[in-house]
Amino acid sequence: MACSSLVKLNVASSSWIAGQQSFNSRSGSAARFPNRRVTVIRAGSYTDELIKTAKSIASPGRGILAIDESNATCGKRLASIGLDNTETNRQAYRQLLLTTPGLGEYISGAILFEETLYQSTTDGKKFVDCLRDENIVPGIKVDKGLVPLPGSNNESWCQGLDGLASRSAEYYNQGARFAKWRTVVSIPCGPSALAVKEAAWGLARYAAISQDNGLVPIVEPEILLDGDHPIERTLEVAEKVWAEVFYYLAENNVTFEGILLKPSMVTPGAEHKEKASPDTIANYTLTMLRRRVPPAVPGIMFLSGGQSEVEATLNLNAMNQSPNPWHVSFSYARALQNTVLKTWQGRPENVEAAQKSLLVRAKANSPAQLGKYSAQGESEEAKKGNVCQGLYILSDDI
């Protein structure tokens, strides 16, 4: 396979990362460093497919539905409507979501938990086939969750690299075409240099392994909302984290054209006394992206991070008021499902109404991805916040 164009793209992306470290003092660099070697990133066997998959997910007016909660976290969702945490109930809820007619018009990818990837509907149709019929790319959560990070300031690291290559190959054979790995950074805890480096290195190794097995990696270092810090502090930490992430992505020869990002929006801490407007959040968030993310990355799929359904949509809309070098979209969990769950209540007779409420939220975020959303007519339920204090570390996603 010819790879000259891909090599040029990757060399350019790697050079962008090294820019601030070396370009500012590069006058006569060839003469001063005669033994410097240029590292050429060679195309892997899945490179063309990875780029095609990433572009498909980052398609205009569409985003990602995140339903990759672990069984324990899904149980908390079910408990909120009085249901027991059983496989039957989890399957029923996920079937409701994944068989929603017309969902593919607004949703380009769905992140699944391992249990869901191998499940079928009650009629025997595989969930991955339900997604494909709607032109939705199946994805899979591959990390093994957060555990305490020894030597840190009460911080966490994400486990799951052991056995990841073989698991990823199995997921690919089952129909998954992209992956997600979520780690977190806590501002009230520092964050410590150790925690930031561990998060960045783990994400980079996961990304390289995923690409080697045909899965587009979603790179997600979530900046937790906990704290009373101002938005300026969030921006400072986000810039530091993403600089470290892209440094290690380049070190691990990750193809930037075949990844997607899932960042937190840059907002004040959840306990900060002043709330930021959508325009302010958009300005700070885009500032961070322009400073840290190379244009080779095809898609930025934001997590909702405890915002209400309407808040998440308004903020996304504000970020798309002018052209961006990337597809700026959404990868929402609660901000797509909060009303759905409350509408369903575990009752078969409510399935159709719950599916319609999912389409309402997906349809609202579709014009927001295009910068054309209006909040007129939104329900009061959709305006309620999704913040659950103390659950950021334990929950798989917000």
Protein backbone atom coordinates (compact mmCIF):
# COMPACT_ATOMS: atom_id res chain seq x y z
CA MET A 1 0.00 0.00 0.00
CA ALA A 2 1.36 3.39 -0.98
CA CYS A 3 1.85 5.51 2.10
CA SER A 4 3.77 8.59 1.01
CA SER A 5 0.85 10.98 1.63
CA LEU A 6 0.16 9.44 5.04
CA VAL A 7 3.81 9.71 5.99
CA LYS A 8 3.77 13.40 5.13
CA LEU A 9 0.67 13.95 7.25
CA ASN A 10 2.09 12.15 10.25
CA VAL A 11 5.48 13.81 10.01
CA ALA A 12 3.68 17.16 9.91
CA SER A 13 1.60 16.26 12.95
CA SER A 14 4.64 15.08 14.89
CA SER A 15 6.48 18.26 13.98
CA TRP A 16 3.56 20.30 15.30
CA ILE A 17 3.93 18.59 18.68
CA ALA A 18 7.64 19.24 18.81
CA GLY A 19 7.19 22.82 17.72
CA GLN A 20 7.43 24.72 20.98
CA GLN A 21 10.25 22.48 22.17
CA SER A 22 12.57 22.99 19.21
CA PHE A 23 11.36 25.32 16.46
CA ASN A 24 11.85 28.51 18.47
CA SER A 25 15.60 27.90 18.58
CA ARG A 26 16.01 26.14 15.26
CA SER A 27 18.20 28.62 13.40
CA GLY A 28 20.90 26.53 11.78
CA SER A 29 19.59 23.39 13.46
CA ALA A 30 20.76 21.07 10.67
CA ALA A 31 24.32 22.24 11.14
CA ARG A 32 24.17 22.15 14.93
CA PHE A 33 22.59 18.68 15.09
CA PRO A 34 24.14 16.72 12.20
CA ASN A 35 23.19 13.33 13.68
CA ARG A 36 19.52 14.13 14.19
CA ARG A 37 17.31 11.36 12.78
CA VAL A 38 13.85 11.89 11.30
CA THR A 39 11.38 9.27 12.51
CA VAL A 40 9.03 8.11 9.76
CA ILE A 41 5.70 6.69 10.90
CA ARG A 42 4.83 3.79 8.64
CA ALA A 43 1.27 3.00 7.73
CA GLY A 44 -0.19 -0.02 9.51
CA SER A 45 -2.41 -2.63 7.91
CA TYR A 46 -5.59 -0.89 9.14
CA THR A 47 -4.60 2.72 8.44
CA ASP A 48 -6.93 3.38 5.51
CA GLU A 49 -9.84 1.75 7.34
CA LEU A 50 -9.14 3.73 10.52
CA ILE A 51 -9.20 7.03 8.64
CA LYS A 52 -12.41 6.05 6.84
CA THR A 53 -14.08 5.04 10.12
CA ALA A 54 -13.05 8.23 11.89
CA LYS A 55 -14.41 10.35 9.03
CA SER A 56 -17.67 8.40 9.06
CA ILE A 57 -18.17 9.08 12.77
CA ALA A 58 -17.21 12.73 12.30
CA SER A 59 -19.91 13.32 9.70
CA PRO A 60 -21.93 16.58 9.54
CA GLY A 61 -24.85 16.88 11.92
CA ARG A 62 -24.12 13.65 13.77
CA GLY A 63 -22.43 12.58 17.01
CA ILE A 64 -21.96 9.65 19.39
CA LEU A 65 -24.40 7.99 21.77
CA ALA A 66 -22.45 6.79 24.82
CA ILE A 67 -24.12 3.79 26.48
CA ASP A 68 -20.96 2.14 27.75
CA GLU A 69 -21.66 2.29 31.48
CA SER A 70 -20.36 -0.71 33.38
CA ASN A 71 -22.95 -3.06 34.84
CA ALA A 72 -22.53 -1.41 38.23
CA THR A 73 -23.07 2.11 36.90
CA CYS A 74 -25.93 1.00 34.68
CA GLY A 75 -27.46 -0.45 37.83
CA LYS A 76 -27.45 3.02 39.38
CA ARG A 77 -29.30 4.36 36.36
CA LEU A 78 -31.88 1.58 36.64
CA ALA A 79 -32.23 2.05 40.39
CA SER A 80 -33.23 5.68 39.78
CA ILE A 81 -36.45 4.38 38.20
CA GLY A 82 -36.92 1.50 40.64
CA LEU A 83 -35.53 -1.38 38.56
CA ASP A 84 -33.22 -4.15 39.73
CA ASN A 85 -29.76 -4.41 38.21
CA THR A 86 -30.27 -7.60 36.18
CA GLU A 87 -28.99 -8.56 32.73
CA THR A 88 -32.59 -8.71 31.50
CA ASN A 89 -33.28 -5.12 32.57
CA ARG A 90 -29.97 -3.87 31.16
CA GLN A 91 -30.71 -5.61 27.87
CA ALA A 92 -34.23 -4.16 27.75
CA TYR A 93 -32.98 -0.62 28.25
CA ARG A 94 -30.19 -0.89 25.73
CA GLN A 95 -32.54 -2.51 23.24
CA LEU A 96 -34.84 0.48 23.61
CA LEU A 97 -31.95 2.79 22.72
CA LEU A 98 -30.34 0.79 19.93
CA THR A 99 -33.55 -0.02 18.06
CA THR A 100 -34.87 3.55 17.94
CA PRO A 101 -36.11 4.08 14.36
CA GLY A 102 -34.31 6.88 12.51
CA LEU A 103 -31.55 7.25 15.11
CA GLY A 104 -28.83 7.05 12.46
CA GLU A 105 -29.88 10.39 11.01
CA TYR A 106 -28.39 12.11 14.06
CA ILE A 107 -26.08 9.48 15.61
CA SER A 108 -22.95 8.24 13.81
CA GLY A 109 -21.47 6.00 16.50
CA ALA A 110 -22.54 4.18 19.68
CA ILE A 111 -20.12 3.23 22.45
CA LEU A 112 -21.12 -0.09 24.01
CA PHE A 113 -20.12 -1.97 27.13
CA GLU A 114 -18.67 -5.45 26.51
CA GLU A 115 -21.89 -7.14 27.63
CA THR A 116 -23.90 -5.12 25.09
CA LEU A 117 -21.50 -5.79 22.22
CA TYR A 118 -22.27 -9.51 22.48
CA GLN A 119 -26.00 -9.16 23.19
CA SER A 120 -28.97 -9.43 20.86
CA THR A 121 -32.53 -8.16 20.91
CA THR A 122 -35.28 -10.33 22.38
CA ASP A 123 -36.04 -11.30 18.75
CA GLY A 124 -32.47 -12.56 18.28
CA LYS A 125 -30.99 -9.74 16.20
CA LYS A 126 -27.47 -8.74 17.20
CA PHE A 127 -27.19 -5.22 18.59
CA VAL A 128 -24.25 -4.52 16.27
CA ASP A 129 -26.50 -5.38 13.30
CA CYS A 130 -29.20 -3.03 14.63
CA LEU A 131 -26.62 -0.25 14.58
CA ARG A 132 -25.28 -1.09 11.13
CA ASP A 133 -28.80 -1.00 9.69
CA GLU A 134 -28.97 2.64 10.86
CA ASN A 135 -25.47 3.42 9.49
CA ILE A 136 -24.18 3.76 13.06
CA VAL A 137 -20.64 2.56 13.80
CA PRO A 138 -20.44 0.18 16.80
CA GLY A 139 -17.80 1.08 19.41
CA ILE A 140 -16.57 -0.52 22.61
CA LYS A 141 -15.34 0.63 26.02
CA VAL A 142 -11.99 -1.13 26.54
CA ASP A 143 -10.59 0.27 29.79
CA LYS A 144 -11.02 -1.61 33.06
CA GLY A 145 -11.88 1.34 35.25
CA LEU A 146 -10.17 3.69 37.66
CA VAL A 147 -8.10 2.67 40.67
CA PRO A 148 -6.02 4.69 43.20
CA LEU A 149 -2.66 5.91 41.87
CA PRO A 150 0.11 5.14 44.39
CA GLY A 151 2.38 8.09 45.13
CA SER A 152 -0.18 10.68 44.02
CA ASN A 153 -2.34 13.23 45.82
CA ASN A 154 -5.32 10.89 46.26
CA GLU A 155 -5.65 10.61 42.47
CA SER A 156 -6.55 7.79 40.09
CA TRP A 157 -5.18 5.98 37.08
CA CYS A 158 -6.95 3.84 34.48
CA GLN A 159 -6.20 0.14 34.22
CA GLY A 160 -6.72 -2.21 31.28
CA LEU A 161 -3.56 -2.35 29.12
CA ASP A 162 -2.87 -5.97 30.07
CA GLY A 163 -4.47 -8.18 27.44
CA LEU A 164 -5.79 -5.19 25.50
CA ALA A 165 -4.39 -6.33 22.15
CA SER A 166 -6.13 -9.72 22.24
CA ARG A 167 -9.36 -8.21 23.56
CA SER A 168 -9.31 -5.56 20.83
CA ALA A 169 -8.88 -8.19 18.15
CA GLU A 170 -11.90 -10.06 19.54
CA TYR A 171 -13.97 -6.86 19.66
CA TYR A 172 -13.08 -6.13 16.03
CA ASN A 173 -14.22 -9.63 15.01
CA GLN A 174 -17.49 -9.03 16.88
CA GLY A 175 -18.12 -5.90 14.80
CA ALA A 176 -16.68 -3.01 16.83
CA ARG A 177 -14.79 -0.43 14.79
CA PHE A 178 -13.80 2.13 17.42
CA ALA A 179 -12.84 2.07 21.09
CA LYS A 180 -12.99 4.29 24.16
CA TRP A 181 -10.61 4.63 27.10
CA ARG A 182 -11.56 7.10 29.84
CA THR A 183 -9.16 8.37 32.43
CA VAL A 184 -9.63 11.37 34.70
CA VAL A 185 -7.72 14.36 36.04
CA SER A 186 -8.80 16.11 39.24
CA ILE A 187 -8.11 19.83 39.63
CA PRO A 188 -8.73 19.93 43.43
CA CYS A 189 -6.11 17.18 43.77
CA GLY A 190 -3.46 19.26 42.00
CA PRO A 191 -3.35 17.69 39.56
CA SER A 192 0.04 16.14 40.26
CA ALA A 193 2.62 15.77 37.49
CA LEU A 194 2.56 12.03 38.15
CA ALA A 195 -1.20 11.78 37.54
CA VAL A 196 -1.04 13.83 34.34
CA LYS A 197 1.85 11.79 32.95
CA GLU A 198 0.18 8.49 33.86
CA ALA A 199 -3.06 9.58 32.19
CA ALA A 200 -1.27 10.69 29.02
CA TRP A 201 0.96 7.62 28.73
CA GLY A 202 -1.92 5.19 29.34
CA LEU A 203 -4.04 6.89 26.68
CA ALA A 204 -1.18 6.80 24.18
CA ARG A 205 -0.44 3.10 24.70
CA TYR A 206 -4.15 2.27 24.42
CA ALA A 207 -4.43 4.33 21.23
CA ALA A 208 -1.48 2.59 19.60
CA ILE A 209 -2.78 -0.87 20.53
CA SER A 210 -6.29 -0.03 19.31
CA GLN A 211 -5.07 1.18 15.93
CA ASP A 212 -2.91 -1.91 15.55
CA ASN A 213 -6.08 -3.99 15.86
CA GLY A 214 -8.35 -1.96 13.59
CA LEU A 215 -10.16 0.15 16.20
CA VAL A 216 -10.28 3.95 16.03
CA PRO A 217 -9.33 5.09 19.55
CA ILE A 218 -11.35 7.76 21.31
CA VAL A 219 -8.85 9.59 23.53
CA GLU A 220 -10.56 10.81 26.71
CA PRO A 221 -8.70 12.47 29.58
CA GLU A 222 -11.69 13.90 31.44
CA ILE A 223 -11.05 17.02 33.51
CA LEU A 224 -13.43 16.47 36.41
CA LEU A 225 -15.93 19.19 37.30
CA ASP A 226 -15.37 18.89 41.05
CA GLY A 227 -14.07 22.05 42.72
CA ASP A 228 -14.71 25.75 43.16
CA HIS A 229 -11.99 26.91 40.74
CA PRO A 230 -12.62 29.54 38.03
CA ILE A 231 -12.71 28.78 34.33
CA GLU A 232 -9.17 30.16 33.89
CA ARG A 233 -7.82 27.38 36.12
CA THR A 234 -9.66 24.74 34.10
CA LEU A 235 -8.11 26.13 30.91
CA GLU A 236 -4.64 26.01 32.46
CA VAL A 237 -5.00 22.38 33.50
CA ALA A 238 -6.64 21.32 30.22
CA GLU A 239 -3.78 22.82 28.21
CA LYS A 240 -1.25 21.01 30.36
CA VAL A 241 -3.04 17.67 30.06
CA TRP A 242 -3.57 17.82 26.30
CA ALA A 243 0.00 18.91 25.66
CA GLU A 244 1.18 15.82 27.53
CA VAL A 245 -1.33 13.57 25.75
CA PHE A 246 -0.26 14.61 22.27
CA TYR A 247 3.41 14.36 23.17
CA TYR A 248 2.97 10.70 24.10
CA LEU A 249 0.62 9.98 21.18
CA ALA A 250 3.42 11.10 18.88
CA GLU A 251 6.00 9.11 20.86
CA ASN A 252 3.85 5.99 20.32
CA ASN A 253 3.50 6.60 16.56
CA VAL A 254 -0.27 7.01 16.72
CA THR A 255 -1.83 8.10 13.43
CA PHE A 256 -3.61 11.36 14.25
CA GLU A 257 -5.94 11.07 11.25
CA GLY A 258 -7.30 7.83 12.74
CA ILE A 259 -8.25 9.00 16.24
CA LEU A 260 -11.09 10.92 17.83
CA LEU A 261 -10.94 13.04 20.99
CA LYS A 262 -13.46 13.17 23.82
CA PRO A 263 -12.50 16.21 25.91
CA SER A 264 -14.35 17.95 28.68
CA MET A 265 -15.66 21.40 27.88
CA VAL A 266 -13.67 24.11 29.63
CA THR A 267 -16.01 25.29 32.39
CA PRO A 268 -15.66 26.63 35.94
CA GLY A 269 -15.66 24.09 38.76
CA ALA A 270 -19.11 22.79 39.72
CA GLU A 271 -18.96 24.68 43.04
CA HIS A 272 -17.67 27.95 41.60
CA LYS A 273 -19.85 30.92 42.52
CA GLU A 274 -20.03 32.31 38.97
CA LYS A 275 -21.62 30.31 36.17
CA ALA A 276 -20.20 30.75 32.67
CA SER A 277 -22.35 31.49 29.62
CA PRO A 278 -22.29 29.24 26.54
CA ASP A 279 -20.30 31.89 24.65
CA THR A 280 -17.68 32.03 27.41
CA ILE A 281 -17.40 28.25 27.60
CA ALA A 282 -17.09 28.07 23.81
CA ASN A 283 -14.39 30.73 23.77
CA TYR A 284 -12.26 29.06 26.45
CA THR A 285 -12.77 25.57 25.05
CA LEU A 286 -11.88 26.53 21.48
CA THR A 287 -8.86 28.45 22.77
CA MET A 288 -7.61 25.27 24.40
CA LEU A 289 -8.24 23.19 21.28
CA ARG A 290 -6.49 25.63 18.95
CA ARG A 291 -3.45 25.72 21.21
CA ARG A 292 -3.14 21.98 21.73
CA VAL A 293 -4.91 19.90 19.04
CA PRO A 294 -3.41 19.52 15.55
CA PRO A 295 -5.83 19.93 12.62
CA ALA A 296 -5.02 16.39 11.44
CA VAL A 297 -7.43 15.08 14.12
CA PRO A 298 -10.79 14.58 12.37
CA GLY A 299 -13.25 14.82 15.25
CA ILE A 300 -13.69 16.38 18.69
CA MET A 301 -16.59 14.58 20.39
CA PHE A 302 -17.32 16.37 23.67
CA LEU A 303 -18.57 14.67 26.81
CA SER A 304 -21.40 16.41 28.62
CA GLY A 305 -19.77 16.30 32.05
CA GLY A 306 -22.77 16.65 34.34
CA GLN A 307 -24.42 19.45 32.38
CA SER A 308 -28.15 19.42 31.78
CA GLU A 309 -29.35 18.22 28.40
CA VAL A 310 -30.02 21.77 27.23
CA GLU A 311 -26.77 23.20 28.65
CA ALA A 312 -24.69 20.62 26.80
CA THR A 313 -26.52 21.39 23.56
CA LEU A 314 -26.24 25.17 23.98
CA ASN A 315 -22.50 24.94 24.64
CA LEU A 316 -21.96 22.71 21.61
CA ASN A 317 -23.94 25.11 19.46
CA ALA A 318 -21.85 28.05 20.66
CA MET A 319 -18.64 26.27 19.63
CA ASN A 320 -19.95 25.84 16.09
CA GLN A 321 -20.77 29.47 15.37
CA SER A 322 -17.66 29.77 13.22
CA PRO A 323 -15.68 27.19 11.19
CA ASN A 324 -13.33 24.85 13.05
CA PRO A 325 -10.49 22.74 11.63
CA TRP A 326 -12.13 19.67 13.20
CA HIS A 327 -15.64 18.22 13.34
CA VAL A 328 -16.78 19.58 16.73
CA SER A 329 -19.60 17.36 17.98
CA PHE A 330 -20.89 15.32 20.93
CA SER A 331 -20.43 12.00 22.68
CA TYR A 332 -23.11 12.27 25.33
CA ALA A 333 -24.39 9.77 27.86
CA ARG A 334 -26.75 11.37 30.37
CA ALA A 335 -27.30 14.46 28.19
CA LEU A 336 -28.99 12.16 25.66
CA GLN A 337 -30.55 9.65 28.05
CA ASN A 338 -31.74 11.47 31.13
CA THR A 339 -35.25 12.16 29.83
CA VAL A 340 -35.36 8.81 28.04
CA LEU A 341 -34.87 6.86 31.27
CA LYS A 342 -37.48 8.86 33.15
CA THR A 343 -39.95 8.44 30.31
CA TRP A 344 -39.43 4.67 30.06
CA GLN A 345 -39.74 3.76 33.76
CA GLY A 346 -39.09 0.12 32.82
CA ARG A 347 -42.55 -0.30 31.31
CA PRO A 348 -43.01 -1.91 27.85
CA GLU A 349 -45.90 0.41 27.03
CA ASN A 350 -43.53 3.41 27.42
CA VAL A 351 -40.86 2.18 24.97
CA GLU A 352 -42.16 4.13 21.97
CA ALA A 353 -42.47 7.37 23.96
CA ALA A 354 -38.96 6.88 25.39
CA GLN A 355 -37.54 6.32 21.91
CA LYS A 356 -39.19 9.51 20.71
CA SER A 357 -37.58 11.41 23.59
CA LEU A 358 -34.18 10.02 22.53
CA LEU A 359 -34.80 11.27 19.00
CA VAL A 360 -35.73 14.70 20.39
CA ARG A 361 -32.37 15.00 22.17
CA ALA A 362 -30.38 13.59 19.24
CA LYS A 363 -32.23 15.86 16.82
CA ALA A 364 -31.49 18.89 19.04
CA ASN A 365 -27.76 18.16 19.05
CA SER A 366 -27.65 17.65 15.28
CA PRO A 367 -28.24 21.34 14.45
CA ALA A 368 -26.00 22.27 17.41
CA GLN A 369 -23.16 20.46 15.63
CA LEU A 370 -23.92 22.72 12.67
CA GLY A 371 -24.27 25.85 14.83
CA LYS A 372 -28.01 26.18 14.13
CA TYR A 373 -29.67 25.11 17.40
CA SER A 374 -32.44 27.03 19.15
CA ALA A 375 -33.52 26.20 22.71
CA GLN A 376 -37.06 27.39 22.04
CA GLY A 377 -39.59 24.74 23.02
CA GLU A 378 -37.24 22.70 25.22
CA SER A 379 -38.93 20.95 28.16
CA GLU A 380 -38.24 21.81 31.78
CA GLU A 381 -36.98 18.27 32.33
CA ALA A 382 -34.29 18.78 29.68
CA LYS A 383 -33.10 21.89 31.51
CA LYS A 384 -32.43 20.07 34.79
CA GLY A 385 -28.78 19.43 35.65
CA ASN A 386 -27.21 15.98 35.67
CA VAL A 387 -24.53 16.67 38.26
CA CYS A 388 -24.15 13.94 40.87
CA GLN A 389 -21.57 15.15 43.35
CA GLY A 390 -19.09 12.54 44.45
CA LEU A 391 -19.81 10.21 41.51
CA TYR A 392 -17.28 11.61 39.05
CA ILE A 393 -14.54 9.18 39.94
CA LEU A 394 -16.81 6.15 40.29
CA SER A 395 -19.05 6.63 37.25
CA ASP A 396 -17.96 5.52 33.80
CA ASP A 397 -19.28 8.66 32.15
CA ILE A 398 -21.45 11.67 32.85
